[in-house]
C-alpha cells in the first residue's frame, strides 16, 4: 500500500460541474434525508479515485442499495475519514484519510460539517475563499461558491484530507 496526493483540482472541478445538478451515475438522496454527504463523497472520490470496500465501516458506492454508511451519512463520513488515518483501526486503510482541523486551516477540496447543539447534520466542500471566508458547494440546498457565513449553524468542524492509500 502506498500513499498518493489527494487531487484537489479534480475534486473542485467535479464540485463545479455537479453542484447545481446531479450526476446520473449516483442516486439522488434529496428526498431521503438529504444529498449533501453523497455529493461530498462524489467530490472526494473524484479527487481520490480510490474507495474502501470494508463492509460497514468502509467508504464506497456501488448503487443506492449497495454503499457504505459513510458515503451518505454525515457523522459516518467524518468517522471514516478521521479513523482511516491509522491502517486497521476500522478496516484495511485504503482510500482517502484526513483529520479534523479548524476552519481556517482548511484548503480547497476539504470539507466542513455544520451542526446544532446535539449533532452534525450538513456536509459542504470548500471550493474557494473570499479573504479568509470559505466559499462552499453543497447539495440538498444546492449551492456553489456560497459563503460559509450565509449558513445558520451552532457548530462547525473541518475535515482536512491528508492523502489517499492505494
N, C-alpha and C. Protein backbone atom coordinates (compact mmCIF):
# COMPACT_ATOMS: atom_id res chain seq x y z
N UNK A 1 0.85 -1.18 0.00
CA UNK A 1 0.00 0.00 0.00
C UNK A 1 0.89 1.23 0.00
N UNK A 2 0.53 2.22 -0.83
CA UNK A 2 1.28 3.47 -0.84
C UNK A 2 0.31 4.64 -0.70
N UNK A 3 0.85 5.78 -0.34
CA UNK A 3 0.05 6.99 -0.16
C UNK A 3 0.30 7.92 -1.34
N UNK A 4 -0.78 8.39 -1.94
CA UNK A 4 -0.70 9.37 -3.03
C UNK A 4 -1.39 10.65 -2.60
N UNK A 5 -1.13 11.72 -3.33
CA UNK A 5 -1.78 13.01 -3.04
C UNK A 5 -3.25 12.96 -3.43
N UNK A 6 -4.05 13.64 -2.67
CA UNK A 6 -5.45 13.90 -2.99
C UNK A 6 -5.45 14.98 -4.07
N UNK A 7 -6.12 14.73 -5.18
CA UNK A 7 -6.14 15.67 -6.30
C UNK A 7 -7.26 16.70 -6.07
N UNK A 8 -6.91 17.78 -5.41
CA UNK A 8 -7.87 18.83 -5.05
C UNK A 8 -8.48 19.48 -6.28
N UNK A 9 -7.71 19.63 -7.35
CA UNK A 9 -8.24 20.27 -8.55
C UNK A 9 -9.31 19.40 -9.21
N UNK A 10 -9.16 18.08 -9.18
CA UNK A 10 -10.21 17.21 -9.73
C UNK A 10 -11.46 17.25 -8.86
N UNK A 11 -11.29 17.29 -7.54
CA UNK A 11 -12.44 17.41 -6.64
C UNK A 11 -13.17 18.72 -6.89
N UNK A 12 -12.42 19.82 -7.05
CA UNK A 12 -13.00 21.12 -7.32
C UNK A 12 -13.73 21.14 -8.66
N UNK A 13 -13.12 20.57 -9.67
CA UNK A 13 -13.75 20.52 -11.00
C UNK A 13 -15.07 19.75 -10.95
N UNK A 14 -15.07 18.64 -10.21
CA UNK A 14 -16.30 17.85 -10.06
C UNK A 14 -17.37 18.68 -9.35
N UNK A 15 -16.99 19.33 -8.26
CA UNK A 15 -17.94 20.15 -7.50
C UNK A 15 -18.54 21.24 -8.37
N UNK A 16 -17.71 21.89 -9.15
CA UNK A 16 -18.18 22.96 -10.03
C UNK A 16 -19.19 22.43 -11.05
N UNK A 17 -18.90 21.26 -11.59
CA UNK A 17 -19.76 20.69 -12.63
C UNK A 17 -21.10 20.20 -12.08
N UNK A 18 -21.10 19.63 -10.86
CA UNK A 18 -22.32 18.98 -10.35
C UNK A 18 -22.98 19.67 -9.15
N UNK A 19 -22.48 20.79 -8.68
CA UNK A 19 -23.08 21.44 -7.51
C UNK A 19 -24.53 21.83 -7.73
N UNK A 20 -24.84 22.28 -8.92
CA UNK A 20 -26.20 22.75 -9.20
C UNK A 20 -26.98 21.75 -10.05
N UNK A 21 -26.49 20.54 -10.12
CA UNK A 21 -27.15 19.47 -10.88
C UNK A 21 -26.82 18.13 -10.25
N UNK A 22 -27.06 17.08 -10.98
CA UNK A 22 -26.82 15.74 -10.47
C UNK A 22 -26.08 14.90 -11.50
N UNK A 23 -25.20 14.04 -11.02
CA UNK A 23 -24.54 13.04 -11.85
C UNK A 23 -25.44 11.82 -11.84
N UNK A 24 -25.93 11.41 -12.98
CA UNK A 24 -26.90 10.30 -13.04
C UNK A 24 -26.29 8.95 -12.66
N UNK A 25 -24.98 8.89 -12.50
CA UNK A 25 -24.33 7.66 -12.06
C UNK A 25 -24.58 7.40 -10.56
N UNK A 26 -25.09 8.40 -9.84
CA UNK A 26 -25.33 8.30 -8.41
C UNK A 26 -26.79 8.62 -8.11
N UNK A 27 -27.35 7.90 -7.15
CA UNK A 27 -28.71 8.15 -6.72
C UNK A 27 -28.78 9.52 -6.04
N UNK A 28 -29.89 10.21 -6.19
CA UNK A 28 -30.13 11.50 -5.55
C UNK A 28 -30.91 11.25 -4.25
N UNK A 29 -30.28 11.46 -3.12
CA UNK A 29 -30.88 11.18 -1.82
C UNK A 29 -31.62 12.39 -1.24
N UNK A 30 -31.89 13.40 -2.06
CA UNK A 30 -32.53 14.63 -1.58
C UNK A 30 -33.85 14.38 -0.86
N UNK A 31 -34.62 13.42 -1.33
CA UNK A 31 -35.92 13.15 -0.72
C UNK A 31 -35.85 12.08 0.37
N UNK A 32 -34.64 11.63 0.68
CA UNK A 32 -34.46 10.60 1.71
C UNK A 32 -33.53 11.09 2.81
N UNK A 33 -33.68 12.34 3.19
CA UNK A 33 -32.88 12.89 4.28
C UNK A 33 -31.81 13.86 3.84
N UNK A 34 -31.53 13.92 2.56
CA UNK A 34 -30.56 14.89 2.05
C UNK A 34 -29.48 14.25 1.20
N UNK A 35 -28.93 15.04 0.31
CA UNK A 35 -27.93 14.57 -0.64
C UNK A 35 -26.55 15.19 -0.39
N UNK A 36 -26.39 15.91 0.72
CA UNK A 36 -25.16 16.67 0.93
C UNK A 36 -23.92 15.80 1.06
N UNK A 37 -23.98 14.76 1.86
CA UNK A 37 -22.79 13.94 2.05
C UNK A 37 -22.55 13.05 0.84
N UNK A 38 -23.60 12.63 0.16
CA UNK A 38 -23.45 11.90 -1.10
C UNK A 38 -22.67 12.76 -2.09
N UNK A 39 -23.03 14.03 -2.22
CA UNK A 39 -22.32 14.95 -3.11
C UNK A 39 -20.87 15.12 -2.68
N UNK A 40 -20.63 15.31 -1.38
CA UNK A 40 -19.25 15.45 -0.90
C UNK A 40 -18.45 14.19 -1.17
N UNK A 41 -19.07 13.03 -0.99
CA UNK A 41 -18.37 11.77 -1.30
C UNK A 41 -18.02 11.67 -2.77
N UNK A 42 -18.92 12.11 -3.63
CA UNK A 42 -18.63 12.10 -5.07
C UNK A 42 -17.44 13.00 -5.38
N UNK A 43 -17.41 14.18 -4.78
CA UNK A 43 -16.29 15.11 -4.98
C UNK A 43 -15.00 14.50 -4.45
N UNK A 44 -15.07 13.91 -3.28
CA UNK A 44 -13.90 13.28 -2.68
C UNK A 44 -13.40 12.14 -3.57
N UNK A 45 -14.31 11.34 -4.08
CA UNK A 45 -13.91 10.24 -4.96
C UNK A 45 -13.27 10.77 -6.24
N UNK A 46 -13.77 11.88 -6.76
CA UNK A 46 -13.17 12.48 -7.96
C UNK A 46 -11.71 12.85 -7.71
N UNK A 47 -11.40 13.27 -6.50
CA UNK A 47 -10.03 13.66 -6.17
C UNK A 47 -9.18 12.54 -5.60
N UNK A 48 -9.82 11.47 -5.15
CA UNK A 48 -9.08 10.35 -4.54
C UNK A 48 -8.94 9.16 -5.49
N UNK A 49 -9.99 8.90 -6.25
CA UNK A 49 -10.02 7.79 -7.20
C UNK A 49 -9.76 6.44 -6.54
N UNK A 50 -10.15 6.32 -5.26
CA UNK A 50 -9.96 5.07 -4.52
C UNK A 50 -11.05 4.99 -3.46
N UNK A 51 -11.80 3.91 -3.47
CA UNK A 51 -12.79 3.66 -2.43
C UNK A 51 -12.21 2.67 -1.43
N UNK A 52 -12.94 2.45 -0.35
CA UNK A 52 -12.58 1.46 0.66
C UNK A 52 -13.79 0.55 0.83
N UNK A 53 -13.65 -0.71 0.41
CA UNK A 53 -14.78 -1.64 0.38
C UNK A 53 -14.93 -2.46 1.65
N UNK A 54 -14.38 -2.00 2.77
CA UNK A 54 -14.58 -2.67 4.04
C UNK A 54 -16.06 -2.66 4.39
N UNK A 55 -16.66 -3.85 4.60
CA UNK A 55 -18.09 -3.87 4.95
C UNK A 55 -18.38 -3.02 6.19
N UNK A 56 -19.48 -2.33 6.17
CA UNK A 56 -19.99 -1.48 7.24
C UNK A 56 -19.15 -0.24 7.50
N UNK A 57 -17.85 -0.38 7.71
CA UNK A 57 -17.03 0.75 8.14
C UNK A 57 -16.20 1.37 7.01
N UNK A 58 -16.36 0.90 5.79
CA UNK A 58 -15.62 1.46 4.66
C UNK A 58 -16.27 2.71 4.11
N UNK A 59 -15.88 3.05 2.91
CA UNK A 59 -16.42 4.22 2.21
C UNK A 59 -16.46 3.86 0.73
N UNK A 60 -17.67 3.52 0.26
CA UNK A 60 -17.81 3.10 -1.14
C UNK A 60 -19.25 3.29 -1.60
N UNK A 61 -19.41 3.30 -2.91
CA UNK A 61 -20.72 3.38 -3.55
C UNK A 61 -20.70 2.48 -4.77
N UNK A 62 -21.61 1.49 -4.77
CA UNK A 62 -21.84 0.66 -5.96
C UNK A 62 -23.22 0.96 -6.54
N UNK A 63 -24.18 1.21 -5.65
CA UNK A 63 -25.54 1.56 -6.04
C UNK A 63 -26.23 2.18 -4.83
N UNK A 64 -27.45 2.65 -5.03
CA UNK A 64 -28.18 3.26 -3.90
C UNK A 64 -28.39 2.26 -2.77
N UNK A 65 -28.47 0.99 -3.09
CA UNK A 65 -28.68 -0.04 -2.07
C UNK A 65 -27.41 -0.78 -1.68
N UNK A 66 -26.31 -0.47 -2.32
CA UNK A 66 -25.03 -1.13 -2.02
C UNK A 66 -23.96 -0.06 -1.87
N UNK A 67 -23.94 0.53 -0.67
CA UNK A 67 -23.00 1.59 -0.34
C UNK A 67 -22.69 1.53 1.14
N UNK A 68 -21.58 2.10 1.50
CA UNK A 68 -21.22 2.18 2.91
C UNK A 68 -21.99 3.32 3.57
N UNK A 69 -22.32 3.18 4.85
CA UNK A 69 -22.96 4.29 5.56
C UNK A 69 -22.17 5.59 5.47
N UNK A 70 -20.84 5.49 5.38
CA UNK A 70 -20.00 6.69 5.31
C UNK A 70 -20.16 7.45 3.99
N UNK A 71 -20.70 6.81 2.97
CA UNK A 71 -20.87 7.50 1.69
C UNK A 71 -21.94 8.60 1.81
N UNK A 72 -22.98 8.36 2.59
CA UNK A 72 -24.11 9.30 2.66
C UNK A 72 -24.38 9.86 4.05
N UNK A 73 -23.81 9.30 5.08
CA UNK A 73 -24.07 9.75 6.45
C UNK A 73 -23.06 10.80 6.91
N UNK A 74 -23.54 11.89 7.44
CA UNK A 74 -22.67 12.99 7.87
C UNK A 74 -21.63 12.51 8.88
N UNK A 75 -22.08 11.93 9.98
CA UNK A 75 -21.14 11.51 11.02
C UNK A 75 -20.30 10.32 10.60
N UNK A 76 -20.87 9.43 9.81
CA UNK A 76 -20.13 8.27 9.32
C UNK A 76 -19.01 8.71 8.37
N UNK A 77 -19.27 9.72 7.54
CA UNK A 77 -18.26 10.29 6.64
C UNK A 77 -17.08 10.81 7.46
N UNK A 78 -17.38 11.59 8.47
CA UNK A 78 -16.36 12.12 9.37
C UNK A 78 -15.58 10.98 10.04
N UNK A 79 -16.32 10.01 10.59
CA UNK A 79 -15.67 8.90 11.30
C UNK A 79 -14.76 8.10 10.38
N UNK A 80 -15.21 7.83 9.16
CA UNK A 80 -14.36 7.09 8.24
C UNK A 80 -13.08 7.86 7.97
N UNK A 81 -13.20 9.11 7.56
CA UNK A 81 -12.01 9.87 7.16
C UNK A 81 -11.03 10.06 8.31
N UNK A 82 -11.51 10.35 9.50
CA UNK A 82 -10.60 10.61 10.61
C UNK A 82 -10.09 9.34 11.26
N UNK A 83 -10.79 8.23 11.11
CA UNK A 83 -10.31 6.95 11.64
C UNK A 83 -9.49 6.17 10.63
N UNK A 84 -9.61 6.47 9.36
CA UNK A 84 -8.86 5.77 8.32
C UNK A 84 -7.41 6.22 8.28
N UNK A 85 -7.07 7.18 9.12
CA UNK A 85 -5.70 7.69 9.16
C UNK A 85 -4.74 6.61 9.67
N UNK A 86 -5.23 5.68 10.48
CA UNK A 86 -4.42 4.59 11.00
C UNK A 86 -4.90 3.30 10.36
N UNK A 87 -4.06 2.63 9.63
CA UNK A 87 -4.42 1.37 8.98
C UNK A 87 -4.87 0.36 10.03
N UNK A 88 -5.97 -0.32 9.73
CA UNK A 88 -6.54 -1.38 10.56
C UNK A 88 -7.31 -0.91 11.78
N UNK A 89 -7.50 0.40 11.95
CA UNK A 89 -8.35 0.83 13.07
C UNK A 89 -9.79 0.42 12.80
N UNK A 90 -10.25 0.60 11.56
CA UNK A 90 -11.62 0.20 11.23
C UNK A 90 -11.70 -0.65 9.97
N UNK A 91 -10.62 -0.82 9.27
CA UNK A 91 -10.65 -1.58 8.04
C UNK A 91 -9.25 -1.77 7.49
N UNK A 92 -9.15 -1.80 6.20
CA UNK A 92 -7.86 -2.07 5.58
C UNK A 92 -7.04 -0.82 5.31
N UNK A 93 -7.59 0.37 5.55
CA UNK A 93 -6.85 1.60 5.38
C UNK A 93 -6.85 2.19 3.99
N UNK A 94 -7.38 1.48 2.99
CA UNK A 94 -7.40 2.01 1.63
C UNK A 94 -8.34 3.21 1.54
N UNK A 95 -8.06 4.08 0.58
CA UNK A 95 -8.92 5.22 0.33
C UNK A 95 -8.41 6.48 0.99
N UNK A 96 -9.22 7.53 0.91
CA UNK A 96 -8.81 8.82 1.48
C UNK A 96 -8.79 8.79 2.99
N UNK A 97 -7.96 9.65 3.55
CA UNK A 97 -7.92 9.78 5.01
C UNK A 97 -7.63 11.24 5.35
N UNK A 98 -8.06 11.64 6.53
CA UNK A 98 -7.89 13.03 6.92
C UNK A 98 -7.90 13.20 8.41
N UNK A 99 -8.00 14.45 8.81
CA UNK A 99 -8.02 14.78 10.23
C UNK A 99 -8.95 15.97 10.46
N UNK A 100 -9.49 16.05 11.65
CA UNK A 100 -10.28 17.22 11.99
C UNK A 100 -9.34 18.42 12.08
N UNK A 101 -9.78 19.53 11.54
CA UNK A 101 -8.96 20.74 11.53
C UNK A 101 -9.85 21.96 11.71
N UNK A 102 -9.25 23.04 12.18
CA UNK A 102 -10.02 24.27 12.31
C UNK A 102 -10.39 24.77 10.91
N UNK A 103 -11.44 25.53 10.83
CA UNK A 103 -11.91 26.04 9.55
C UNK A 103 -10.82 26.85 8.86
N UNK A 104 -10.08 27.65 9.60
CA UNK A 104 -9.04 28.49 8.99
C UNK A 104 -7.84 27.69 8.48
N UNK A 105 -7.73 26.40 8.87
CA UNK A 105 -6.61 25.56 8.40
C UNK A 105 -6.97 24.76 7.15
N UNK A 106 -8.21 24.87 6.68
CA UNK A 106 -8.66 24.05 5.55
C UNK A 106 -8.25 24.65 4.21
N UNK A 107 -8.27 23.78 3.18
CA UNK A 107 -7.91 24.16 1.82
C UNK A 107 -9.07 23.84 0.89
N UNK A 108 -8.98 24.33 -0.34
CA UNK A 108 -9.95 23.94 -1.37
C UNK A 108 -9.93 22.42 -1.48
N UNK A 109 -11.12 21.81 -1.53
CA UNK A 109 -11.24 20.35 -1.60
C UNK A 109 -11.41 19.70 -0.26
N UNK A 110 -11.25 20.45 0.83
CA UNK A 110 -11.53 19.93 2.17
C UNK A 110 -13.02 20.10 2.46
N UNK A 111 -13.45 19.62 3.62
CA UNK A 111 -14.87 19.57 3.93
C UNK A 111 -15.18 20.26 5.25
N UNK A 112 -16.39 20.80 5.31
CA UNK A 112 -16.91 21.40 6.53
C UNK A 112 -18.24 20.72 6.84
N UNK A 113 -18.45 20.42 8.12
CA UNK A 113 -19.73 19.87 8.54
C UNK A 113 -20.34 20.80 9.58
N UNK A 114 -21.61 21.09 9.39
CA UNK A 114 -22.34 22.01 10.26
C UNK A 114 -23.23 21.24 11.21
N UNK A 115 -23.45 21.80 12.40
CA UNK A 115 -24.27 21.12 13.38
C UNK A 115 -25.03 22.05 14.28
N UNK A 116 -25.94 21.44 15.04
CA UNK A 116 -26.63 22.15 16.10
C UNK A 116 -26.00 21.71 17.42
N UNK A 117 -26.65 21.90 18.51
CA UNK A 117 -26.03 21.54 19.80
C UNK A 117 -25.81 20.05 19.97
N UNK A 118 -26.64 19.22 19.33
CA UNK A 118 -26.56 17.79 19.58
C UNK A 118 -25.90 16.96 18.48
N UNK A 119 -25.91 17.42 17.24
CA UNK A 119 -25.37 16.59 16.17
C UNK A 119 -24.92 17.44 14.97
N UNK A 120 -24.14 16.83 14.14
CA UNK A 120 -23.78 17.43 12.86
C UNK A 120 -24.77 16.93 11.82
N UNK A 121 -25.20 17.83 10.93
CA UNK A 121 -26.29 17.48 10.03
C UNK A 121 -26.06 17.86 8.56
N UNK A 122 -24.97 18.57 8.23
CA UNK A 122 -24.80 19.02 6.85
C UNK A 122 -23.32 19.00 6.47
N UNK A 123 -23.02 18.49 5.27
CA UNK A 123 -21.65 18.43 4.75
C UNK A 123 -21.50 19.36 3.55
N UNK A 124 -20.37 20.05 3.49
CA UNK A 124 -20.06 21.01 2.43
C UNK A 124 -18.63 20.79 1.97
N UNK A 125 -18.35 21.10 0.72
CA UNK A 125 -16.98 21.07 0.22
C UNK A 125 -16.52 22.50 -0.04
N UNK A 126 -15.29 22.79 0.32
CA UNK A 126 -14.72 24.12 0.09
C UNK A 126 -14.30 24.21 -1.37
N UNK A 127 -14.80 25.26 -2.06
CA UNK A 127 -14.48 25.46 -3.48
C UNK A 127 -13.70 26.75 -3.73
N UNK A 128 -13.43 27.50 -2.68
CA UNK A 128 -12.68 28.73 -2.82
C UNK A 128 -12.69 29.51 -1.52
N UNK A 129 -12.13 30.70 -1.57
CA UNK A 129 -12.11 31.59 -0.41
C UNK A 129 -12.32 33.02 -0.88
N UNK A 130 -12.98 33.79 -0.06
CA UNK A 130 -13.08 35.24 -0.25
C UNK A 130 -12.44 35.84 0.98
N UNK A 131 -11.18 36.24 0.84
CA UNK A 131 -10.40 36.59 2.02
C UNK A 131 -10.17 35.31 2.80
N UNK A 132 -10.53 35.32 4.08
CA UNK A 132 -10.41 34.11 4.90
C UNK A 132 -11.70 33.30 4.93
N UNK A 133 -12.78 33.83 4.32
CA UNK A 133 -14.08 33.17 4.36
C UNK A 133 -14.15 32.04 3.33
N UNK A 134 -14.41 30.80 3.80
CA UNK A 134 -14.58 29.70 2.85
C UNK A 134 -15.84 29.90 2.00
N UNK A 135 -15.69 29.60 0.72
CA UNK A 135 -16.82 29.52 -0.21
C UNK A 135 -17.07 28.03 -0.43
N UNK A 136 -18.33 27.62 -0.35
CA UNK A 136 -18.63 26.19 -0.35
C UNK A 136 -19.62 25.82 -1.44
N UNK A 137 -19.68 24.51 -1.69
CA UNK A 137 -20.69 23.94 -2.58
C UNK A 137 -21.38 22.83 -1.81
N UNK A 138 -22.66 22.62 -2.13
CA UNK A 138 -23.40 21.56 -1.44
C UNK A 138 -24.62 21.14 -2.25
N UNK A 139 -25.15 20.01 -1.84
CA UNK A 139 -26.44 19.53 -2.33
C UNK A 139 -27.44 19.58 -1.18
N UNK A 140 -28.64 19.17 -1.47
CA UNK A 140 -29.83 19.28 -0.63
C UNK A 140 -30.38 20.69 -0.80
N UNK A 141 -29.61 21.69 -0.42
CA UNK A 141 -29.88 23.08 -0.78
C UNK A 141 -28.74 23.44 -1.71
N UNK A 142 -28.93 23.15 -2.99
CA UNK A 142 -27.84 23.26 -3.96
C UNK A 142 -27.22 24.65 -3.96
N UNK A 143 -25.89 24.66 -3.91
CA UNK A 143 -25.18 25.93 -3.93
C UNK A 143 -23.77 25.73 -4.48
N UNK A 144 -23.22 26.81 -4.99
CA UNK A 144 -21.83 26.82 -5.44
C UNK A 144 -21.25 28.19 -5.14
N UNK A 145 -20.11 28.21 -4.52
CA UNK A 145 -19.41 29.43 -4.08
C UNK A 145 -20.26 30.25 -3.11
N UNK A 146 -20.96 29.58 -2.25
CA UNK A 146 -21.76 30.25 -1.22
C UNK A 146 -20.87 30.50 0.00
N UNK A 147 -20.84 31.73 0.52
CA UNK A 147 -20.03 31.99 1.72
C UNK A 147 -20.53 31.18 2.92
N UNK A 148 -19.60 30.62 3.66
CA UNK A 148 -19.96 29.86 4.85
C UNK A 148 -20.79 30.71 5.81
N UNK A 149 -20.52 32.00 5.86
CA UNK A 149 -21.24 32.91 6.76
C UNK A 149 -22.73 32.99 6.44
N UNK A 150 -23.15 32.57 5.25
CA UNK A 150 -24.56 32.60 4.89
C UNK A 150 -25.35 31.45 5.49
N UNK A 151 -24.68 30.49 6.10
CA UNK A 151 -25.36 29.35 6.72
C UNK A 151 -25.67 29.65 8.18
N UNK A 152 -26.74 29.07 8.67
CA UNK A 152 -27.14 29.19 10.06
C UNK A 152 -26.77 27.88 10.76
N UNK A 153 -25.86 27.94 11.71
CA UNK A 153 -25.41 26.74 12.42
C UNK A 153 -24.89 27.13 13.79
N UNK A 154 -24.83 26.15 14.68
CA UNK A 154 -24.31 26.37 16.03
C UNK A 154 -22.83 26.01 16.10
N UNK A 155 -22.46 24.91 15.43
CA UNK A 155 -21.06 24.48 15.45
C UNK A 155 -20.65 23.99 14.07
N UNK A 156 -19.34 24.03 13.82
CA UNK A 156 -18.79 23.56 12.56
C UNK A 156 -17.48 22.84 12.83
N UNK A 157 -17.24 21.82 12.03
CA UNK A 157 -15.94 21.14 12.12
C UNK A 157 -15.39 20.97 10.71
N UNK A 158 -14.08 21.04 10.61
CA UNK A 158 -13.43 20.88 9.34
C UNK A 158 -12.79 19.51 9.22
N UNK A 159 -12.74 19.00 7.99
CA UNK A 159 -12.04 17.74 7.70
C UNK A 159 -10.99 18.06 6.63
N UNK A 160 -9.75 17.98 7.02
CA UNK A 160 -8.64 18.22 6.10
C UNK A 160 -8.17 16.88 5.54
N UNK A 161 -8.21 16.73 4.22
CA UNK A 161 -7.78 15.47 3.59
C UNK A 161 -6.26 15.47 3.48
N UNK A 162 -5.65 14.43 4.03
CA UNK A 162 -4.19 14.32 4.09
C UNK A 162 -3.61 13.55 2.91
N UNK A 163 -4.37 12.60 2.38
CA UNK A 163 -3.87 11.77 1.29
C UNK A 163 -4.81 10.63 1.00
N UNK A 164 -4.33 9.70 0.18
CA UNK A 164 -5.13 8.56 -0.26
C UNK A 164 -4.21 7.34 -0.26
N UNK A 165 -4.67 6.26 0.34
CA UNK A 165 -3.94 4.99 0.29
C UNK A 165 -4.46 4.15 -0.86
N UNK A 166 -3.54 3.69 -1.70
CA UNK A 166 -3.91 2.86 -2.86
C UNK A 166 -3.15 1.53 -2.81
